[in-house]
Amino acid sequence: MNPEVQEPHPMGGCSGLGPRAWGRILIVLLLACGLFACASSGSPNPSPGMVHVPAGPFTMGSSEEDIQWAAKTFFSESLEYYRDETPAYTVQMAAFEIDQHEVTNAEYRKYLEATNRPAPKYLDNEKFNAPNQPVAGVTWQEANDYCAWTGKRLPTEAEWEKAARGVDGRFYPWGNDPDPTRANARGMKDGHRYPAPVGTFPKGASPYGALDMAGNVWEWTADWYRPYPGNLVKNDLYGNTFRVMRGGSWFSNMDLARSTVRGKLTPDQRQNYIGFRCAR
């Protein structure tokens, strides 16, 4: 009888293993690769009350075409107001988490009770002090201190914008339509004259599930108001005088509620249209 001829095994010296053994090895390798991929990309399971924003690039800011759209849509007479949003550029981001909603009066009251800090200006005003309304009238430092107390921090401008608009360059958290029923902005189409309870507009959620990132209250970010890379438009307000706010408010129109708009105020300001959320 002719001896059985065996083909060389693709794994070389391990050719003595049978098909079942190779099947088990393959399964183990696939599982190991899957676990490694999960560990490499960071956990997609966010902390309670937060949403996960994965690592990767996104387009920050507005192109010339974008600001032309805004000027035409909202009947602006000049493009100068929009120039600080330009140019659009790519930002590489690490993964992070951001609060799903703005910090509420109820949450802020717990902080005041624990720290004996003074209450913000509007916490005794019935138009602004409902437990589930966003806390308003906090300075930048007070917002920063609260986030630190919770083990978090204020989001950077880039983090805030990516959490609001995702990676496809949309104008609003939900898309490109300035729909006044998806956010609490100026006017009564949204049903609220003052800040709405957080989470009132689920159809206005961002691609990652963050809520109220358009309207309700402007939100402090960690950054000073400075020009974007490649922005050559002279602006005497750039520097270390103003902190950036994002998102528009109940007092803003839908133009100011666009995800790329850069509000700015001195960090000591206390206004009934300013609040915040935290990140980490």
C-alpha atoms as a PDB file:
ATOM      1  CA  MET A   1       0.000   0.000   0.000  1.00  0.00           C
ATOM      2  CA  ASN A   2       1.196   3.409  -0.739  1.00  0.00           C
ATOM      3  CA  PRO A   3       1.769   5.459   2.388  1.00  0.00           C
ATOM      4  CA  GLU A   4      -0.766   8.286   2.908  1.00  0.00           C
ATOM      5  CA  VAL A   5       0.617  11.534   1.601  1.00  0.00           C
ATOM      6  CA  GLN A   6      -0.012  14.483   3.906  1.00  0.00           C
ATOM      7  CA  GLU A   7      -0.010  18.046   2.660  1.00  0.00           C
ATOM      8  CA  PRO A   8       2.166  20.455   4.660  1.00  0.00           C
ATOM      9  CA  HIS A   9      -0.024  22.223   7.253  1.00  0.00           C
ATOM     10  CA  PRO A  10      -0.272  25.993   6.903  1.00  0.00           C
ATOM     11  CA  MET A  11       0.878  26.333  10.512  1.00  0.00           C
ATOM     12  CA  GLY A  12       4.094  24.423   9.850  1.00  0.00           C
ATOM     13  CA  GLY A  13       5.309  22.307  12.750  1.00  0.00           C
ATOM     14  CA  CYS A  14       1.875  22.167  14.375  1.00  0.00           C
ATOM     15  CA  SER A  15       0.517  19.990  11.583  1.00  0.00           C
ATOM     16  CA  GLY A  16      -0.111  17.107  13.929  1.00  0.00           C
ATOM     17  CA  LEU A  17      -3.144  18.833  15.457  1.00  0.00           C
ATOM     18  CA  GLY A  18      -6.510  17.669  14.227  1.00  0.00           C
ATOM     19  CA  PRO A  19      -9.323  19.822  12.827  1.00  0.00           C
ATOM     20  CA  ARG A  20     -11.161  20.034  16.155  1.00  0.00           C
ATOM     21  CA  ALA A  21      -8.049  21.241  17.965  1.00  0.00           C
ATOM     22  CA  TRP A  22      -7.477  23.860  15.310  1.00  0.00           C
ATOM     23  CA  GLY A  23     -11.068  24.940  15.644  1.00  0.00           C
ATOM     24  CA  ARG A  24     -10.647  25.435  19.388  1.00  0.00           C
ATOM     25  CA  ILE A  25      -7.428  27.417  18.855  1.00  0.00           C
ATOM     26  CA  LEU A  26      -9.149  29.630  16.299  1.00  0.00           C
ATOM     27  CA  ILE A  27     -12.021  30.364  18.690  1.00  0.00           C
ATOM     28  CA  VAL A  28      -9.601  31.273  21.491  1.00  0.00           C
ATOM     29  CA  LEU A  29      -7.650  33.576  19.165  1.00  0.00           C
ATOM     30  CA  LEU A  30     -10.813  35.309  17.982  1.00  0.00           C
ATOM     31  CA  LEU A  31     -12.009  35.835  21.548  1.00  0.00           C
ATOM     32  CA  ALA A  32      -8.624  37.198  22.566  1.00  0.00           C
ATOM     33  CA  CYS A  33      -8.595  39.597  19.642  1.00  0.00           C
ATOM     34  CA  GLY A  34     -12.092  40.780  20.504  1.00  0.00           C
ATOM     35  CA  LEU A  35     -11.186  41.388  24.139  1.00  0.00           C
ATOM     36  CA  PHE A  36      -8.060  43.279  23.092  1.00  0.00           C
ATOM     37  CA  ALA A  37     -10.061  45.457  20.723  1.00  0.00           C
ATOM     38  CA  CYS A  38     -12.503  46.332  23.500  1.00  0.00           C
ATOM     39  CA  ALA A  39      -9.687  47.159  25.895  1.00  0.00           C
ATOM     40  CA  SER A  40      -7.929  49.269  23.272  1.00  0.00           C
ATOM     41  CA  SER A  41     -10.922  51.396  22.329  1.00  0.00           C
ATOM     42  CA  GLY A  42     -12.052  52.206  25.864  1.00  0.00           C
ATOM     43  CA  SER A  43     -15.272  51.094  27.527  1.00  0.00           C
ATOM     44  CA  PRO A  44     -18.454  52.165  25.718  1.00  0.00           C
ATOM     45  CA  ASN A  45     -20.388  51.834  28.992  1.00  0.00           C
ATOM     46  CA  PRO A  46     -20.667  55.357  30.424  1.00  0.00           C
ATOM     47  CA  SER A  47     -20.857  56.329  34.067  1.00  0.00           C
ATOM     48  CA  PRO A  48     -24.355  56.929  35.481  1.00  0.00           C
ATOM     49  CA  GLY A  49     -25.902  60.083  34.089  1.00  0.00           C
ATOM     50  CA  MET A  50     -23.260  60.447  31.371  1.00  0.00           C
ATOM     51  CA  VAL A  51     -22.914  59.475  27.704  1.00  0.00           C
ATOM     52  CA  HIS A  52     -19.838  58.001  26.045  1.00  0.00           C
ATOM     53  CA  VAL A  53     -18.206  59.808  23.122  1.00  0.00           C
ATOM     54  CA  PRO A  54     -15.728  57.526  21.335  1.00  0.00           C
ATOM     55  CA  ALA A  55     -12.223  58.426  20.270  1.00  0.00           C
ATOM     56  CA  GLY A  56     -11.561  59.606  16.747  1.00  0.00           C
ATOM     57  CA  PRO A  57     -11.521  62.680  14.523  1.00  0.00           C
ATOM     58  CA  PHE A  58     -14.367  65.110  13.939  1.00  0.00           C
ATOM     59  CA  THR A  59     -14.857  68.349  12.058  1.00  0.00           C
ATOM     60  CA  MET A  60     -14.884  71.347  14.384  1.00  0.00           C
ATOM     61  CA  GLY A  61     -16.115  74.763  13.377  1.00  0.00           C
ATOM     62  CA  SER A  62     -17.825  76.079  10.269  1.00  0.00           C
ATOM     63  CA  SER A  63     -16.796  76.274   6.643  1.00  0.00           C
ATOM     64  CA  GLU A  64     -17.461  79.312   4.490  1.00  0.00           C
ATOM     65  CA  GLU A  65     -20.408  77.438   3.000  1.00  0.00           C
ATOM     66  CA  ASP A  66     -21.773  76.776   6.505  1.00  0.00           C
ATOM     67  CA  ILE A  67     -21.763  80.414   7.568  1.00  0.00           C
ATOM     68  CA  GLN A  68     -23.274  81.453   4.244  1.00  0.00           C
ATOM     69  CA  TRP A  69     -26.115  79.023   5.005  1.00  0.00           C
ATOM     70  CA  ALA A  70     -26.601  80.506   8.473  1.00  0.00           C
ATOM     71  CA  ALA A  71     -26.575  84.081   7.224  1.00  0.00           C
ATOM     72  CA  LYS A  72     -29.136  83.283   4.525  1.00  0.00           C
ATOM     73  CA  THR A  73     -31.355  81.163   6.782  1.00  0.00           C
ATOM     74  CA  PHE A  74     -31.491  83.714   9.601  1.00  0.00           C
ATOM     75  CA  PHE A  75     -31.404  86.861   7.440  1.00  0.00           C
ATOM     76  CA  SER A  76     -28.120  88.143   8.821  1.00  0.00           C
ATOM     77  CA  GLU A  77     -26.811  91.307   7.215  1.00  0.00           C
ATOM     78  CA  SER A  78     -23.155  90.460   7.793  1.00  0.00           C
ATOM     79  CA  LEU A  79     -20.915  87.417   7.990  1.00  0.00           C
ATOM     80  CA  GLU A  80     -18.666  89.043  10.585  1.00  0.00           C
ATOM     81  CA  TYR A  81     -20.556  87.565  13.521  1.00  0.00           C
ATOM     82  CA  TYR A  82     -19.836  84.061  12.219  1.00  0.00           C
ATOM     83  CA  ARG A  83     -16.124  84.435  11.514  1.00  0.00           C
ATOM     84  CA  ASP A  84     -14.957  83.146  14.896  1.00  0.00           C
ATOM     85  CA  GLU A  85     -16.442  79.744  13.955  1.00  0.00           C
ATOM     86  CA  THR A  86     -14.075  79.464  11.006  1.00  0.00           C
ATOM     87  CA  PRO A  87     -12.253  77.749   9.489  1.00  0.00           C
ATOM     88  CA  ALA A  88     -13.583  74.222   9.871  1.00  0.00           C
ATOM     89  CA  TYR A  89     -10.741  71.874  10.796  1.00  0.00           C
ATOM     90  CA  THR A  90     -10.191  68.288  11.909  1.00  0.00           C
ATOM     91  CA  VAL A  91      -9.608  67.554  15.587  1.00  0.00           C
ATOM     92  CA  GLN A  92      -8.359  64.187  16.825  1.00  0.00           C
ATOM     93  CA  MET A  93     -10.157  63.338  20.051  1.00  0.00           C
ATOM     94  CA  ALA A  94      -9.595  60.838  22.823  1.00  0.00           C
ATOM     95  CA  ALA A  95     -12.656  59.071  24.189  1.00  0.00           C
ATOM     96  CA  PHE A  96     -14.508  60.903  26.966  1.00  0.00           C
ATOM     97  CA  GLU A  97     -17.797  61.082  28.829  1.00  0.00           C
ATOM     98  CA  ILE A  98     -20.113  64.049  29.183  1.00  0.00           C
ATOM     99  CA  ASP A  99     -23.221  64.579  31.301  1.00  0.00           C
ATOM    100  CA  GLN A 100     -26.369  63.580  29.476  1.00  0.00           C
ATOM    101  CA  HIS A 101     -28.090  66.719  30.680  1.00  0.00           C
ATOM    102  CA  GLU A 102     -27.251  70.061  32.213  1.00  0.00           C
ATOM    103  CA  VAL A 103     -26.640  70.187  35.958  1.00  0.00           C
ATOM    104  CA  THR A 104     -29.999  70.704  37.653  1.00  0.00           C
ATOM    105  CA  ASN A 105     -31.054  72.812  40.617  1.00  0.00           C
ATOM    106  CA  ALA A 106     -31.643  69.631  42.632  1.00  0.00           C
ATOM    107  CA  GLU A 107     -28.122  68.399  41.918  1.00  0.00           C
ATOM    108  CA  TYR A 108     -26.597  71.779  42.682  1.00  0.00           C
ATOM    109  CA  ARG A 109     -28.511  72.048  45.972  1.00  0.00           C
ATOM    110  CA  LYS A 110     -26.851  68.818  47.160  1.00  0.00           C
ATOM    111  CA  TYR A 111     -23.492  70.415  46.435  1.00  0.00           C
ATOM    112  CA  LEU A 112     -24.437  73.559  48.376  1.00  0.00           C
ATOM    113  CA  GLU A 113     -25.568  71.497  51.361  1.00  0.00           C
ATOM    114  CA  ALA A 114     -22.313  69.523  51.346  1.00  0.00           C
ATOM    115  CA  THR A 115     -19.980  72.506  50.918  1.00  0.00           C
ATOM    116  CA  ASN A 116     -21.838  75.466  52.477  1.00  0.00           C
ATOM    117  CA  ARG A 117     -21.135  77.488  49.346  1.00  0.00           C
ATOM    118  CA  PRO A 118     -23.406  80.507  48.669  1.00  0.00           C
ATOM    119  CA  ALA A 119     -26.419  79.862  46.469  1.00  0.00           C
ATOM    120  CA  PRO A 120     -26.426  81.250  42.915  1.00  0.00           C
ATOM    121  CA  LYS A 121     -28.410  84.332  42.084  1.00  0.00           C
ATOM    122  CA  TYR A 122     -31.571  82.715  40.692  1.00  0.00           C
ATOM    123  CA  LEU A 123     -32.060  79.781  43.061  1.00  0.00           C
ATOM    124  CA  ASP A 124     -34.820  81.672  44.908  1.00  0.00           C
ATOM    125  CA  ASN A 125     -36.601  82.796  41.720  1.00  0.00           C
ATOM    126  CA  GLU A 126     -39.647  80.661  40.931  1.00  0.00           C
ATOM    127  CA  LYS A 127     -39.097  81.058  37.193  1.00  0.00           C
ATOM    128  CA  PHE A 128     -35.710  79.355  37.445  1.00  0.00           C
ATOM    129  CA  ASN A 129     -35.576  77.212  40.602  1.00  0.00           C
ATOM    130  CA  ALA A 130     -37.650  74.083  39.894  1.00  0.00           C
ATOM    131  CA  PRO A 131     -35.685  70.947  40.874  1.00  0.00           C
ATOM    132  CA  ASN A 132     -35.346  69.628  37.311  1.00  0.00           C
ATOM    133  CA  GLN A 133     -34.594  72.947  35.664  1.00  0.00           C
ATOM    134  CA  PRO A 134     -30.906  73.551  34.859  1.00  0.00           C
ATOM    135  CA  VAL A 135     -29.161  75.594  37.505  1.00  0.00           C
ATOM    136  CA  ALA A 136     -28.652  79.133  36.206  1.00  0.00           C
ATOM    137  CA  GLY A 137     -26.672  82.153  37.306  1.00  0.00           C
ATOM    138  CA  VAL A 138     -23.450  80.351  38.235  1.00  0.00           C
ATOM    139  CA  THR A 139     -20.099  81.894  37.393  1.00  0.00           C
ATOM    140  CA  TRP A 140     -17.451  80.002  35.445  1.00  0.00           C
ATOM    141  CA  GLN A 141     -15.491  79.308  38.633  1.00  0.00           C
ATOM    142  CA  GLU A 142     -18.566  78.039  40.456  1.00  0.00           C
ATOM    143  CA  ALA A 143     -19.308  75.681  37.581  1.00  0.00           C
ATOM    144  CA  ASN A 144     -15.699  74.538  37.534  1.00  0.00           C
ATOM    145  CA  ASP A 145     -15.733  73.944  41.310  1.00  0.00           C
ATOM    146  CA  TYR A 146     -18.936  71.916  41.147  1.00  0.00           C
ATOM    147  CA  CYS A 147     -17.529  69.641  38.445  1.00  0.00           C
ATOM    148  CA  ALA A 148     -14.368  69.105  40.505  1.00  0.00           C
ATOM    149  CA  TRP A 149     -16.494  68.229  43.550  1.00  0.00           C
ATOM    150  CA  THR A 150     -18.183  65.462  41.524  1.00  0.00           C
ATOM    151  CA  GLY A 151     -14.846  64.123  40.269  1.00  0.00           C
ATOM    152  CA  LYS A 152     -15.352  65.621  36.823  1.00  0.00           C
ATOM    153  CA  ARG A 153     -14.415  68.837  35.010  1.00  0.00           C
ATOM    154  CA  LEU A 154     -15.849  71.303  32.524  1.00  0.00           C
ATOM    155  CA  PRO A 155     -15.721  70.061  28.926  1.00  0.00           C
ATOM    156  CA  THR A 156     -13.352  71.659  26.479  1.00  0.00           C
ATOM    157  CA  GLU A 157     -14.847  73.440  23.487  1.00  0.00           C
ATOM    158  CA  ALA A 158     -13.858  70.540  21.256  1.00  0.00           C
ATOM    159  CA  GLU A 159     -15.408  67.953  23.581  1.00  0.00           C
ATOM    160  CA  TRP A 160     -18.620  69.934  23.853  1.00  0.00           C
ATOM    161  CA  GLU A 161     -18.915  70.372  20.091  1.00  0.00           C
ATOM    162  CA  LYS A 162     -18.209  66.741  19.244  1.00  0.00           C
ATOM    163  CA  ALA A 163     -20.713  65.569  21.865  1.00  0.00           C
ATOM    164  CA  ALA A 164     -23.297  67.919  20.356  1.00  0.00           C
ATOM    165  CA  ARG A 165     -22.898  67.295  16.622  1.00  0.00           C
ATOM    166  CA  GLY A 166     -21.007  64.045  16.137  1.00  0.00           C
ATOM    167  CA  VAL A 167     -18.703  63.543  13.173  1.00  0.00           C
ATOM    168  CA  ASP A 168     -20.845  64.452  10.158  1.00  0.00           C
ATOM    169  CA  GLY A 169     -20.696  68.256  10.442  1.00  0.00           C
ATOM    170  CA  ARG A 170     -24.374  68.756  11.215  1.00  0.00           C
ATOM    171  CA  PHE A 171     -25.602  72.171  12.352  1.00  0.00           C
ATOM    172  CA  TYR A 172     -27.699  70.959  15.309  1.00  0.00           C
ATOM    173  CA  PRO A 173     -27.578  67.896  17.545  1.00  0.00           C
ATOM    174  CA  TRP A 174     -30.429  66.293  15.574  1.00  0.00           C
ATOM    175  CA  GLY A 175     -29.400  67.340  12.046  1.00  0.00           C
ATOM    176  CA  ASN A 176     -29.502  70.415   9.819  1.00  0.00           C
ATOM    177  CA  ASP A 177     -33.119  71.541  10.239  1.00  0.00           C
ATOM    178  CA  PRO A 178     -33.507  74.503  12.645  1.00  0.00           C
ATOM    179  CA  ASP A 179     -36.596  72.894  14.172  1.00  0.00           C
ATOM    180  CA  PRO A 180     -37.818  75.053  17.094  1.00  0.00           C
ATOM    181  CA  THR A 181     -39.795  72.149  18.582  1.00  0.00           C
ATOM    182  CA  ARG A 182     -36.602  70.152  19.309  1.00  0.00           C
ATOM    183  CA  ALA A 183     -35.025  72.708  21.641  1.00  0.00           C
ATOM    184  CA  ASN A 184     -36.005  75.344  24.181  1.00  0.00           C
ATOM    185  CA  ALA A 185     -35.140  78.545  22.326  1.00  0.00           C
ATOM    186  CA  ARG A 186     -36.746  81.959  22.057  1.00  0.00           C
ATOM    187  CA  GLY A 187     -40.415  81.823  21.121  1.00  0.00           C
ATOM    188  CA  MET A 188     -43.321  79.697  22.267  1.00  0.00           C
ATOM    189  CA  LYS A 189     -43.243  76.896  19.671  1.00  0.00           C
ATOM    190  CA  ASP A 190     -41.323  74.777  22.158  1.00  0.00           C
ATOM    191  CA  GLY A 191     -43.847  75.439  24.929  1.00  0.00           C
ATOM    192  CA  HIS A 192     -41.467  77.019  27.455  1.00  0.00           C
ATOM    193  CA  ARG A 193     -40.946  80.678  28.314  1.00  0.00           C
ATOM    194  CA  TYR A 194     -38.007  80.039  30.672  1.00  0.00           C
ATOM    195  CA  PRO A 195     -35.612  77.091  31.145  1.00  0.00           C
ATOM    196  CA  ALA A 196     -37.349  73.750  30.637  1.00  0.00           C
ATOM    197  CA  PRO A 197     -36.839  70.683  32.837  1.00  0.00           C
ATOM    198  CA  VAL A 198     -33.803  68.832  31.519  1.00  0.00           C
ATOM    199  CA  GLY A 199     -34.601  66.067  29.065  1.00  0.00           C
ATOM    200  CA  THR A 200     -37.833  67.694  27.876  1.00  0.00           C
ATOM    201  CA  PHE A 201     -36.771  67.396  24.219  1.00  0.00           C
ATOM    202  CA  PRO A 202     -35.692  63.789  23.516  1.00  0.00           C
ATOM    203  CA  LYS A 203     -36.082  64.383  19.764  1.00  0.00           C
ATOM    204  CA  GLY A 204     -33.303  66.951  20.068  1.00  0.00           C
ATOM    205  CA  ALA A 205     -30.757  64.422  21.344  1.00  0.00           C
ATOM    206  CA  SER A 206     -27.225  64.447  19.958  1.00  0.00           C
ATOM    207  CA  PRO A 207     -25.756  61.453  18.075  1.00  0.00           C
ATOM    208  CA  TYR A 208     -24.418  60.146  21.411  1.00  0.00           C
ATOM    209  CA  GLY A 209     -27.622  60.713  23.377  1.00  0.00           C
ATOM    210  CA  ALA A 210     -26.740  64.002  25.090  1.00  0.00           C
ATOM    211  CA  LEU A 211     -29.802  66.175  25.692  1.00  0.00           C
ATOM    212  CA  ASP A 212     -30.457  69.932  25.619  1.00  0.00           C
ATOM    213  CA  MET A 213     -27.224  70.757  23.802  1.00  0.00           C
ATOM    214  CA  ALA A 214     -29.245  73.299  21.830  1.00  0.00           C
ATOM    215  CA  GLY A 215     -31.179  75.880  23.830  1.00  0.00           C
ATOM    216  CA  ASN A 216     -32.295  75.840  27.468  1.00  0.00           C
ATOM    217  CA  VAL A 217     -29.155  77.475  28.969  1.00  0.00           C
ATOM    218  CA  TRP A 218     -25.791  78.414  27.555  1.00  0.00           C
ATOM    219  CA  GLU A 219     -23.111  76.103  28.947  1.00  0.00           C
ATOM    220  CA  TRP A 220     -19.686  77.128  30.215  1.00  0.00           C
ATOM    221  CA  THR A 221     -16.700  75.325  28.704  1.00  0.00           C
ATOM    222  CA  ALA A 222     -13.137  75.100  29.987  1.00  0.00           C
ATOM    223  CA  ASP A 223     -11.599  77.257  27.246  1.00  0.00           C
ATOM    224  CA  TRP A 224     -10.715  80.890  26.769  1.00  0.00           C
ATOM    225  CA  TYR A 225     -12.102  82.648  23.718  1.00  0.00           C
ATOM    226  CA  ARG A 226      -9.267  82.335  21.221  1.00  0.00           C
ATOM    227  CA  PRO A 227      -9.027  81.969  17.414  1.00  0.00           C
ATOM    228  CA  TYR A 228      -9.126  78.578  15.748  1.00  0.00           C
ATOM    229  CA  PRO A 229      -6.004  77.391  13.897  1.00  0.00           C
ATOM    230  CA  GLY A 230      -5.911  79.157  10.542  1.00  0.00           C
ATOM    231  CA  ASN A 231      -8.305  81.922  11.573  1.00  0.00           C
ATOM    232  CA  LEU A 232      -6.763  85.173  10.354  1.00  0.00           C
ATOM    233  CA  VAL A 233      -9.708  87.480  11.071  1.00  0.00           C
ATOM    234  CA  LYS A 234      -8.753  90.241  13.517  1.00  0.00           C
ATOM    235  CA  ASN A 235     -10.809  90.127  16.702  1.00  0.00           C
ATOM    236  CA  ASP A 236      -9.843  92.283  19.684  1.00  0.00           C
ATOM    237  CA  LEU A 237     -11.885  90.039  22.015  1.00  0.00           C
ATOM    238  CA  TYR A 238      -9.602  87.034  21.569  1.00  0.00           C
ATOM    239  CA  GLY A 239      -7.348  86.296  24.515  1.00  0.00           C
ATOM    240  CA  ASN A 240      -7.712  85.469  28.198  1.00  0.00           C
ATOM    241  CA  THR A 241     -10.629  87.758  29.013  1.00  0.00           C
ATOM    242  CA  PHE A 242     -13.691  85.752  27.973  1.00  0.00           C
ATOM    243  CA  ARG A 243     -14.646  82.119  28.573  1.00  0.00           C
ATOM    244  CA  VAL A 244     -16.540  80.287  25.861  1.00  0.00           C
ATOM    245  CA  MET A 245     -20.144  79.199  26.310  1.00  0.00           C
ATOM    246  CA  ARG A 246     -21.944  76.838  23.979  1.00  0.00           C
ATOM    247  CA  GLY A 247     -25.439  75.828  22.917  1.00  0.00           C
ATOM    248  CA  GLY A 248     -27.657  78.894  23.089  1.00  0.00           C
ATOM    249  CA  SER A 249     -30.483  79.278  25.611  1.00  0.00           C
ATOM    250  CA  TRP A 250     -34.182  79.843  26.186  1.00  0.00           C
ATOM    251  CA  PHE A 251     -33.429  83.486  25.375  1.00  0.00           C
ATOM    252  CA  SER A 252     -31.652  82.742  22.049  1.00  0.00           C
ATOM    253  CA  ASN A 253     -32.969  82.225  18.550  1.00  0.00           C
ATOM    254  CA  MET A 254     -32.222  79.073  16.567  1.00  0.00           C
ATOM    255  CA  ASP A 255     -29.211  80.689  14.906  1.00  0.00           C
ATOM    256  CA  LEU A 256     -27.447  80.934  18.280  1.00  0.00           C
ATOM    257  CA  ALA A 257     -28.467  77.358  19.101  1.00  0.00           C
ATOM    258  CA  ARG A 258     -26.268  75.964  16.319  1.00  0.00           C
ATOM    259  CA  SER A 259     -23.594  73.599  17.655  1.00  0.00           C
ATOM    260  CA  THR A 260     -20.707  75.665  16.262  1.00  0.00           C
ATOM    261  CA  VAL A 261     -21.682  79.029  17.781  1.00  0.00           C
ATOM    262  CA  ARG A 262     -19.166  80.392  20.288  1.00  0.00           C
ATOM    263  CA  GLY A 263     -20.801  82.461  22.996  1.00  0.00           C
ATOM    264  CA  LYS A 264     -18.452  84.401  25.267  1.00  0.00           C
ATOM    265  CA  LEU A 265     -18.651  86.184  28.595  1.00  0.00           C
ATOM    266  CA  THR A 266     -16.249  87.209  31.326  1.00  0.00           C
ATOM    267  CA  PRO A 267     -16.034  84.326  33.805  1.00  0.00           C
ATOM    268  CA  ASP A 268     -17.537  86.355  36.668  1.00  0.00           C
ATOM    269  CA  GLN A 269     -20.879  86.794  34.904  1.00  0.00           C
ATOM    270  CA  ARG A 270     -24.099  85.567  36.545  1.00  0.00           C
ATOM    271  CA  GLN A 271     -26.943  85.419  34.052  1.00  0.00           C
ATOM    272  CA  ASN A 272     -30.262  83.591  34.073  1.00  0.00           C
ATOM    273  CA  TYR A 273     -29.444  82.041  30.714  1.00  0.00           C
ATOM    274  CA  ILE A 274     -26.106  80.438  31.704  1.00  0.00           C
ATOM    275  CA  GLY A 275     -25.629  76.958  33.163  1.00  0.00           C
ATOM    276  CA  PHE A 276     -23.254  74.063  32.553  1.00  0.00           C
ATOM    277  CA  ARG A 277     -22.645  70.325  32.360  1.00  0.00           C
ATOM    278  CA  CYS A 278     -19.570  68.299  33.313  1.00  0.00           C
ATOM    279  CA  ALA A 279     -17.268  65.887  31.490  1.00  0.00           C
ATOM    280  CA  ARG A 280     -14.423  63.491  32.170  1.00  0.00           C
END
